[in-house]
Protein backbone atom coordinates (compact mmCIF):
# COMPACT_ATOMS: atom_id res chain seq x y z
CA MET A 1 0.00 0.00 0.00
CA ARG A 2 2.87 2.37 0.77
CA VAL A 3 4.17 1.86 -2.75
CA THR A 4 0.83 1.81 -4.56
CA ILE A 5 -0.57 5.14 -3.30
CA PRO A 6 2.53 7.23 -4.19
CA LEU A 7 2.71 5.50 -7.57
CA LEU A 8 -0.93 6.28 -8.28
CA ALA A 9 -0.38 9.85 -7.14
CA LEU A 10 2.60 10.17 -9.48
CA ILE A 11 0.65 8.77 -12.44
CA GLY A 12 -2.26 11.05 -11.66
CA GLY A 13 0.01 14.07 -11.40
CA LEU A 14 1.68 13.30 -14.72
CA ALA A 15 -1.71 12.84 -16.36
CA LEU A 16 -2.93 16.21 -15.05
CA ALA A 17 0.28 17.89 -16.19
CA PHE A 18 -0.12 16.36 -19.66
CA ILE A 19 -3.73 17.55 -19.90
CA ALA A 20 -2.72 21.03 -18.72
CA VAL A 21 0.00 21.29 -21.38
CA LEU A 22 -2.49 20.35 -24.09
CA THR A 23 -5.40 22.51 -22.97
CA LEU A 24 -4.16 25.54 -21.02
CA GLN A 25 -2.73 28.63 -22.63
CA ARG A 26 0.78 29.54 -21.66
CA PRO A 27 1.35 32.82 -19.79
CA PRO A 28 1.63 35.72 -19.70
CA ALA A 29 -2.01 36.79 -20.00
CA HIS A 30 -2.95 40.31 -21.05
CA ILE A 31 -5.48 41.95 -18.74
CA GLU A 32 -7.33 45.12 -19.71
CA GLN A 33 -9.66 47.01 -17.39
CA ILE A 34 -12.99 47.57 -19.17
CA GLY A 35 -15.08 48.88 -16.28
CA TYR A 36 -14.86 51.19 -13.29
CA ARG A 37 -12.17 50.47 -10.73
CA GLY A 38 -13.37 48.16 -8.01
CA THR A 39 -15.93 46.38 -10.18
CA GLY A 40 -13.49 43.71 -11.34
CA ALA A 41 -14.57 44.14 -14.98
CA MET A 42 -11.55 43.02 -17.01
CA ASP A 43 -10.91 41.48 -20.40
CA VAL A 44 -8.37 38.65 -20.21
CA SER A 45 -6.58 37.57 -23.37
CA ASN A 46 -3.45 35.73 -24.44
CA PRO A 47 -0.98 37.55 -26.72
CA ALA A 48 -0.08 34.34 -28.57
CA ALA A 49 -3.75 33.57 -29.27
CA ILE A 50 -4.34 37.17 -30.40
CA ALA A 51 -1.40 36.98 -32.82
CA ALA A 52 -2.75 33.74 -34.31
CA SER A 53 -6.29 35.08 -34.68
CA PHE A 54 -5.02 38.35 -36.17
CA ALA A 55 -3.28 36.45 -38.96
CA MET A 56 -6.49 34.54 -39.75
CA ASN A 57 -8.80 37.58 -39.68
CA GLN A 58 -7.40 39.89 -42.31
CA ALA A 59 -9.73 41.36 -44.91
CA PRO A 60 -8.71 40.59 -48.52
CA ALA A 61 -7.71 43.19 -51.06
CA VAL A 62 -10.64 44.59 -53.05
CA LEU A 63 -10.97 45.61 -56.66
CA PRO A 64 -11.28 49.33 -57.55
CA GLN A 65 -14.78 50.77 -57.64
CA ASN A 66 -16.47 50.62 -61.03
CA ASN A 67 -19.94 52.09 -61.55
CA ALA A 68 -19.77 52.37 -65.32
CA GLY A 69 -22.30 51.10 -67.82
CA PRO A 70 -26.07 50.60 -67.96
CA LEU A 71 -27.98 48.65 -65.33
CA ALA A 72 -27.06 44.98 -65.18
CA GLY A 73 -30.66 43.88 -65.65
CA THR A 74 -30.80 45.57 -69.06
CA ILE A 75 -27.86 43.73 -70.59
CA TYR A 76 -27.59 40.41 -68.69
CA LYS A 77 -30.20 37.67 -68.70
CA ASN A 78 -31.91 36.34 -65.57
CA VAL A 79 -30.48 38.86 -63.11
CA GLN A 80 -33.04 38.81 -60.31
CA VAL A 81 -31.40 40.51 -57.32
CA LEU A 82 -28.75 42.92 -58.61
CA LYS A 83 -30.57 44.07 -61.74
CA ASP A 84 -30.52 47.75 -60.70
CA VAL A 85 -26.72 47.76 -60.24
CA PRO A 86 -24.52 49.37 -62.92
CA ALA A 87 -22.86 46.73 -65.10
CA GLY A 88 -19.38 47.68 -63.90
CA ALA A 89 -20.34 47.31 -60.25
CA PHE A 90 -22.18 44.07 -61.03
CA ALA A 91 -19.08 42.55 -62.62
CA ARG A 92 -16.97 43.72 -59.67
CA ILE A 93 -19.33 41.98 -57.23
CA MET A 94 -19.31 38.76 -59.29
CA VAL A 95 -15.50 38.66 -59.49
CA SER A 96 -15.22 39.43 -55.78
CA MET A 97 -17.69 36.68 -54.89
CA THR A 98 -15.57 34.23 -56.85
CA GLN A 99 -12.52 35.23 -54.80
CA TRP A 100 -14.49 35.05 -51.54
CA VAL A 101 -16.26 31.73 -52.08
CA ALA A 102 -14.69 29.74 -54.92
CA PRO A 103 -11.16 30.97 -55.69
CA LYS A 104 -10.10 27.56 -57.03
CA GLN A 105 -13.21 26.68 -59.07
CA GLY A 106 -13.83 30.13 -60.53
CA CYS A 107 -17.08 31.25 -62.20
CA ASN A 108 -18.08 27.68 -63.08
CA TYR A 109 -18.66 26.90 -59.42
CA CYS A 110 -22.02 28.65 -59.72
CA HIS A 111 -22.52 29.07 -63.47
CA VAL A 112 -23.03 26.66 -66.35
CA SER A 113 -20.14 27.28 -68.71
CA GLY A 114 -21.42 29.02 -71.81
CA ASN A 115 -24.88 29.64 -70.34
CA PHE A 116 -24.45 31.94 -67.37
CA ALA A 117 -28.19 32.69 -67.31
CA SER A 118 -29.00 29.08 -66.41
CA ASP A 119 -30.09 28.24 -62.86
CA ALA A 120 -29.21 24.58 -63.27
CA LYS A 121 -26.53 24.58 -60.57
CA TYR A 122 -27.77 24.62 -56.99
CA THR A 123 -24.79 26.75 -56.02
CA LYS A 124 -26.11 29.62 -58.12
CA ARG A 125 -29.55 29.42 -56.56
CA VAL A 126 -28.05 29.36 -53.07
CA ALA A 127 -25.71 32.24 -53.90
CA ARG A 128 -28.65 34.34 -55.08
CA ARG A 129 -30.44 33.80 -51.77
CA MET A 130 -27.22 34.54 -49.84
CA ILE A 131 -26.87 37.87 -51.67
CA GLN A 132 -30.38 38.70 -50.52
CA MET A 133 -29.48 37.68 -46.97
CA THR A 134 -26.36 39.85 -47.04
CA ILE A 135 -28.35 42.90 -48.14
CA TYR A 136 -30.99 42.13 -45.52
CA ILE A 137 -28.39 41.95 -42.72
CA ASN A 138 -26.67 45.16 -43.76
CA SER A 139 -29.89 47.13 -44.17
CA HIS A 140 -32.05 45.73 -41.34
CA TRP A 141 -29.68 44.58 -38.60
CA LYS A 142 -27.50 47.62 -37.97
CA SER A 143 -28.42 47.14 -34.31
CA HIS A 144 -25.91 44.28 -34.45
CA VAL A 145 -23.58 44.78 -37.43
CA LYS A 146 -23.43 48.58 -36.97
CA ASN A 147 -21.43 50.26 -39.75
CA VAL A 148 -19.13 47.28 -40.26
CA GLY A 149 -21.64 45.13 -42.11
CA VAL A 150 -21.00 41.79 -43.79
CA THR A 151 -20.04 40.40 -47.17
CA CYS A 152 -19.75 36.82 -48.38
CA TYR A 153 -16.14 36.81 -47.18
CA THR A 154 -17.19 37.47 -43.58
CA CYS A 155 -18.34 33.85 -43.33
CA HIS A 156 -16.71 32.01 -46.23
CA ARG A 157 -13.08 33.21 -46.03
CA GLY A 158 -12.23 31.63 -49.38
CA ASN A 159 -14.12 28.37 -48.70
CA ASN A 160 -17.09 27.03 -50.68
CA ALA A 161 -18.95 26.46 -47.41
CA PRO A 162 -18.25 28.46 -44.23
CA LYS A 163 -15.96 26.61 -41.84
CA TYR A 164 -18.09 27.26 -38.76
CA VAL A 165 -21.66 25.99 -39.11
CA TRP A 166 -23.76 23.49 -37.19
CA PHE A 167 -26.15 20.63 -37.83
CA ASN A 168 -28.83 18.95 -35.72
CA GLY A 169 -28.11 15.83 -33.71
CA VAL A 170 -24.33 15.73 -34.02
CA GLU A 171 -23.42 14.12 -30.70
CA PRO A 172 -19.84 14.00 -29.42
CA PRO A 173 -18.44 10.59 -28.38
CA HIS A 174 -19.52 9.65 -24.87
CA ALA A 175 -19.60 6.78 -22.43
CA THR A 176 -22.76 4.82 -21.68
CA GLY A 177 -24.36 3.81 -18.42
CA LEU A 178 -23.87 6.25 -15.56
CA MET A 179 -22.15 8.80 -17.80
CA GLU A 180 -25.03 8.95 -20.27
CA THR A 181 -27.71 11.57 -19.65
CA ALA A 182 -30.86 12.37 -21.59
CA THR A 183 -30.15 16.09 -21.17
CA GLY A 184 -26.99 16.06 -23.27
CA GLU A 185 -24.68 16.81 -20.35
CA ALA A 186 -21.37 15.12 -19.50
CA ARG A 187 -20.54 14.94 -23.21
CA PRO A 188 -17.84 17.61 -23.65
CA SER A 189 -18.06 19.28 -27.05
CA LEU A 190 -16.26 22.08 -28.82
CA ALA A 191 -19.61 23.86 -29.23
CA ALA A 192 -19.79 24.29 -25.43
CA ASP A 193 -16.06 25.04 -25.15
CA GLY A 194 -15.19 21.53 -23.96
CA SER A 195 -17.34 21.83 -20.84
CA ALA A 196 -19.63 19.15 -19.43
CA LEU A 197 -22.60 21.41 -20.08
CA PRO A 198 -25.17 20.27 -22.68
CA TYR A 199 -23.25 19.52 -25.87
CA ASP A 200 -25.73 21.32 -28.18
CA PRO A 201 -26.20 24.99 -27.23
CA PHE A 202 -27.78 25.81 -30.60
CA SER A 203 -31.01 23.92 -31.29
CA SER A 204 -33.02 25.49 -28.47
CA PHE A 205 -31.90 29.07 -29.06
CA LEU A 206 -30.82 29.58 -32.67
CA VAL A 207 -33.64 28.03 -34.65
CA GLY A 208 -37.41 27.67 -34.42
CA HIS A 209 -40.09 29.79 -32.81
CA PRO A 210 -40.19 29.02 -29.06
CA LYS A 211 -43.29 30.02 -27.13
CA GLY A 212 -42.69 33.41 -25.58
CA GLY A 213 -39.67 34.02 -27.81
CA VAL A 214 -36.07 33.02 -27.30
CA ASN A 215 -35.86 35.16 -24.15
CA ALA A 216 -38.30 32.78 -22.45
CA LEU A 217 -35.70 30.02 -22.72
CA ILE A 218 -32.82 31.93 -21.18
CA ASN A 219 -32.44 31.48 -17.44
CA THR A 220 -29.42 31.83 -15.19
CA GLU A 221 -30.55 32.75 -11.69
CA GLY A 222 -33.59 33.37 -9.56
CA THR A 223 -34.23 36.54 -7.61
CA THR A 224 -35.76 34.86 -4.58
CA ALA A 225 -34.79 31.96 -2.32
CA LEU A 226 -37.87 29.99 -3.40
CA PRO A 227 -39.34 29.74 -6.93
CA THR A 228 -42.10 32.32 -6.20
CA GLY A 229 -43.78 31.68 -9.51
CA ASN A 230 -40.51 31.18 -11.43
CA ARG A 231 -40.78 27.73 -13.00
CA MET A 232 -37.38 27.89 -14.71
CA SER A 233 -35.27 24.79 -14.15
CA ILE A 234 -31.62 24.13 -13.44
CA GLN A 235 -31.55 22.36 -16.78
CA GLN A 236 -32.50 25.60 -18.53
CA THR A 237 -29.69 27.31 -16.68
CA ASN A 238 -27.26 24.69 -17.97
CA TRP A 239 -28.46 25.20 -21.54
CA THR A 240 -28.05 28.95 -21.12
CA TYR A 241 -24.51 28.63 -19.80
CA ALA A 242 -23.62 26.30 -22.70
CA LEU A 243 -24.81 29.02 -25.10
CA MET A 244 -22.84 31.67 -23.22
CA MET A 245 -19.70 29.51 -23.34
CA ASN A 246 -20.14 29.29 -27.09
CA PHE A 247 -20.57 33.07 -27.30
CA ALA A 248 -17.31 33.60 -25.42
CA THR A 249 -15.36 31.11 -27.54
CA SER A 250 -16.78 32.43 -30.81
CA LEU A 251 -15.73 36.00 -29.96
CA GLY A 252 -12.49 35.14 -28.14
CA VAL A 253 -13.59 36.95 -24.98
CA ASN A 254 -14.54 36.18 -21.38
CA CYS A 255 -17.85 36.78 -19.59
CA GLU A 256 -16.87 40.29 -18.50
CA PHE A 257 -16.99 41.39 -22.12
CA CYS A 258 -20.78 41.70 -21.75
CA HIS A 259 -21.62 41.03 -18.10
CA GLN A 260 -20.78 42.23 -14.61
CA SER A 261 -19.84 38.98 -12.87
CA ARG A 262 -21.30 40.00 -9.50
CA ASP A 263 -24.75 40.22 -11.14
CA PHE A 264 -24.93 38.47 -14.49
CA GLY A 265 -28.63 39.20 -14.91
CA SER A 266 -28.44 42.95 -14.34
CA TRP A 267 -28.74 44.98 -17.53
CA SER A 268 -27.90 48.22 -15.72
CA GLU A 269 -24.49 46.84 -14.72
CA SER A 270 -23.78 45.14 -18.05
CA THR A 271 -21.60 46.64 -20.75
CA PRO A 272 -23.15 48.10 -23.95
CA LYS A 273 -21.81 45.05 -25.78
CA ARG A 274 -24.49 42.93 -24.13
CA VAL A 275 -27.15 44.86 -26.04
CA ILE A 276 -25.32 44.21 -29.31
CA ALA A 277 -25.09 40.51 -28.41
CA TYR A 278 -28.82 40.48 -27.62
CA TYR A 279 -29.64 41.68 -31.12
CA GLY A 280 -27.11 39.24 -32.56
CA LEU A 281 -28.91 36.31 -30.91
CA HIS A 282 -32.22 37.34 -32.45
CA MET A 283 -30.61 38.06 -35.81
CA VAL A 284 -28.97 34.63 -36.06
CA ARG A 285 -32.19 32.82 -35.15
CA GLY A 286 -34.11 34.82 -37.75
CA LEU A 287 -31.52 34.13 -40.46
CA ASN A 288 -31.62 30.40 -39.74
CA ASN A 289 -35.42 30.34 -39.82
CA ASP A 290 -35.97 32.57 -42.84
CA TYR A 291 -32.95 31.99 -45.06
CA MET A 292 -31.14 28.74 -44.21
CA LEU A 293 -33.99 26.33 -43.43
CA PRO A 294 -35.96 27.18 -46.62
CA LEU A 295 -32.86 26.20 -48.64
CA THR A 296 -32.87 22.62 -47.33
CA ALA A 297 -34.42 21.18 -50.49
CA THR A 298 -32.05 23.20 -52.70
CA PHE A 299 -28.88 21.56 -51.39
CA PRO A 300 -27.85 18.07 -52.56
CA HIS A 301 -28.01 15.30 -49.96
CA ASN A 302 -24.24 15.20 -49.43
CA MET A 303 -24.28 18.84 -48.30
CA LEU A 304 -26.82 18.18 -45.54
CA GLY A 305 -26.23 16.94 -42.02
CA ALA A 306 -26.63 13.37 -40.77
CA GLY A 307 -30.29 14.08 -40.03
CA GLY A 308 -30.95 15.65 -43.43
CA ASP A 309 -30.87 19.24 -42.13
CA VAL A 310 -29.17 22.19 -43.77
CA ALA A 311 -26.08 23.87 -42.31
CA LYS A 312 -27.00 26.67 -39.91
CA ILE A 313 -25.39 29.81 -38.54
CA ASP A 314 -24.05 30.58 -35.08
CA CYS A 315 -21.87 33.41 -33.77
CA SER A 316 -18.62 31.73 -34.81
CA THR A 317 -19.76 31.64 -38.46
CA CYS A 318 -18.93 35.34 -38.76
CA HIS A 319 -16.77 36.11 -35.75
CA GLN A 320 -14.32 33.19 -35.97
CA GLY A 321 -12.60 33.91 -32.68
CA VAL A 322 -12.59 37.72 -32.58
CA SER A 323 -15.06 40.18 -31.07
CA LYS A 324 -15.50 42.01 -34.39
CA PRO A 325 -15.38 39.91 -37.57
CA LEU A 326 -12.16 40.60 -39.48
CA TYR A 327 -11.27 42.98 -36.61
CA GLY A 328 -13.91 45.42 -37.74
CA ALA A 329 -12.77 45.82 -41.36
CA LYS A 330 -15.57 47.73 -43.11
CA MET A 331 -15.76 45.54 -46.19
CA ALA A 332 -19.46 46.19 -46.75
CA ALA A 333 -18.81 49.92 -47.18
CA GLN A 334 -16.59 49.06 -50.16
CA PHE A 335 -19.54 47.25 -51.77
CA PRO A 336 -22.38 49.74 -51.28
CA TYR A 337 -24.79 47.73 -53.43
CA LEU A 338 -24.59 44.95 -50.84
CA GLU A 339 -25.72 47.43 -48.20
CA GLY A 340 -28.87 48.42 -50.05
CA PRO A 341 -30.95 50.21 -51.08
CA ALA A 342 -33.78 47.80 -50.44
CA LYS A 343 -35.04 47.98 -54.03
CA LEU A 344 -32.08 45.82 -55.06
CA ALA A 345 -33.66 42.86 -53.30
CA ASP A 346 -36.88 42.22 -51.47
CA PRO A 347 -35.81 42.89 -47.85
CA ASN A 348 -38.65 40.80 -46.45
CA PRO A 349 -37.26 37.34 -45.53
CA LYS A 350 -40.80 35.95 -45.59
CA SER A 351 -41.13 36.53 -49.31
CA PRO A 352 -40.53 33.59 -51.68
CA ALA A 353 -36.88 33.02 -52.47
CA ALA A 354 -35.89 34.42 -55.85
CA SER A 355 -34.46 31.06 -56.86
CA GLY A 356 -34.53 28.92 -59.95
CA GLU A 357 -36.98 26.46 -58.42
CA ALA A 358 -39.65 29.19 -58.44
CA ASN A 359 -39.32 29.42 -62.21
CA PRO A 360 -38.66 25.98 -63.73
CA ALA A 361 -38.27 27.56 -67.14
CA MET A 362 -34.99 29.09 -66.01
CA ILE A 363 -33.49 25.72 -65.00
CA THR A 364 -31.97 24.99 -68.37
CA MET A 365 -29.22 22.65 -69.42
CA THR A 366 -28.59 23.84 -72.95
CA ALA A 367 -25.44 22.80 -74.74
CA ALA A 368 -22.62 25.21 -74.09
CA PRO A 369 -21.34 27.02 -77.19
CA ALA A 370 -17.62 27.34 -77.75
CA THR A 371 -17.75 31.01 -76.80
CA ALA A 372 -20.12 32.35 -74.16
CA PRO A 373 -22.52 34.80 -75.77
CA ALA A 374 -22.49 38.34 -74.46
CA GLY A 375 -25.11 39.27 -71.94
CA GLN A 376 -25.40 35.99 -70.07
CA SER A 377 -24.96 36.19 -66.38
CA GLY A 378 -27.48 35.90 -63.67
CA LYS A 379 -27.46 36.69 -59.99
């Protein structure tokens, strides 16, 4: 026994040290006071992590402005969203989108070679709806995106599909028996920052139409010793904290970025950033409901999740580890036609998608001529 206990202690200590090396960030930490002295409101960050995220969050070079020519809808066929954009600006947006989303595949990623007006490729129909979504965000959600705005690059970063999306029912590996819970806890996942909180912080908050709105689901603490009419459960608190952990990881911040830790529920003691995050939560849920879910049937089966659901948005889709996507680079301002005006695209997300499926006549697979005829493009 004298030998066994020290040996076990040594093995345990080595195991903990190994885990710490793999998971903990090395010092020194950078601490910045973000509130009044004495409140303990500080932002804690790691210089090495900041340097890595800075390298991955640089806005790309943009083409020079070009507003020459007649309106795109008068010279190109089947332009449904950007038809009131000058031809020069239209071409600039198309070339930029290629760089943002399909730099390796080029124009043929969305278009049928030789018949750019065709809606045969699902990628073109999705891209059209994503242009509408971009304009909708920039024109109707300034309460969250402010004057920074978004472009396709905000999420895609040169990838066909954004790197950070989520699907329903993707469970992390877990033990069975005593470790298995019906609430999704004790299954550490990256979505909940590796915690033992419920592994899916998205489904309850970022999609659907919960009774009483999404705010009715969020619960962290009671205000009295006994329920006193508050029927919120500890389980709801765990789901809320899982979502908050995801917020923090997605933005590369700690809780003090939005909250005062001595009273998480108090709005009067929270930072202004909490209001921006509040709008962001509602924005993401609306975008998933009104733009992503309706596209489920448009995507091929291999692009859907294991349960047949479409990829959906969360905070990390845009933010990718920093509090302001691309460190606040105002890319949208360099593409004013993606900011509005509303006449460029129906701003109402409830309206039918302007996609090829709505007009079967435009889903054509004509033989491609050797040279693409002039005036055939179509987003």
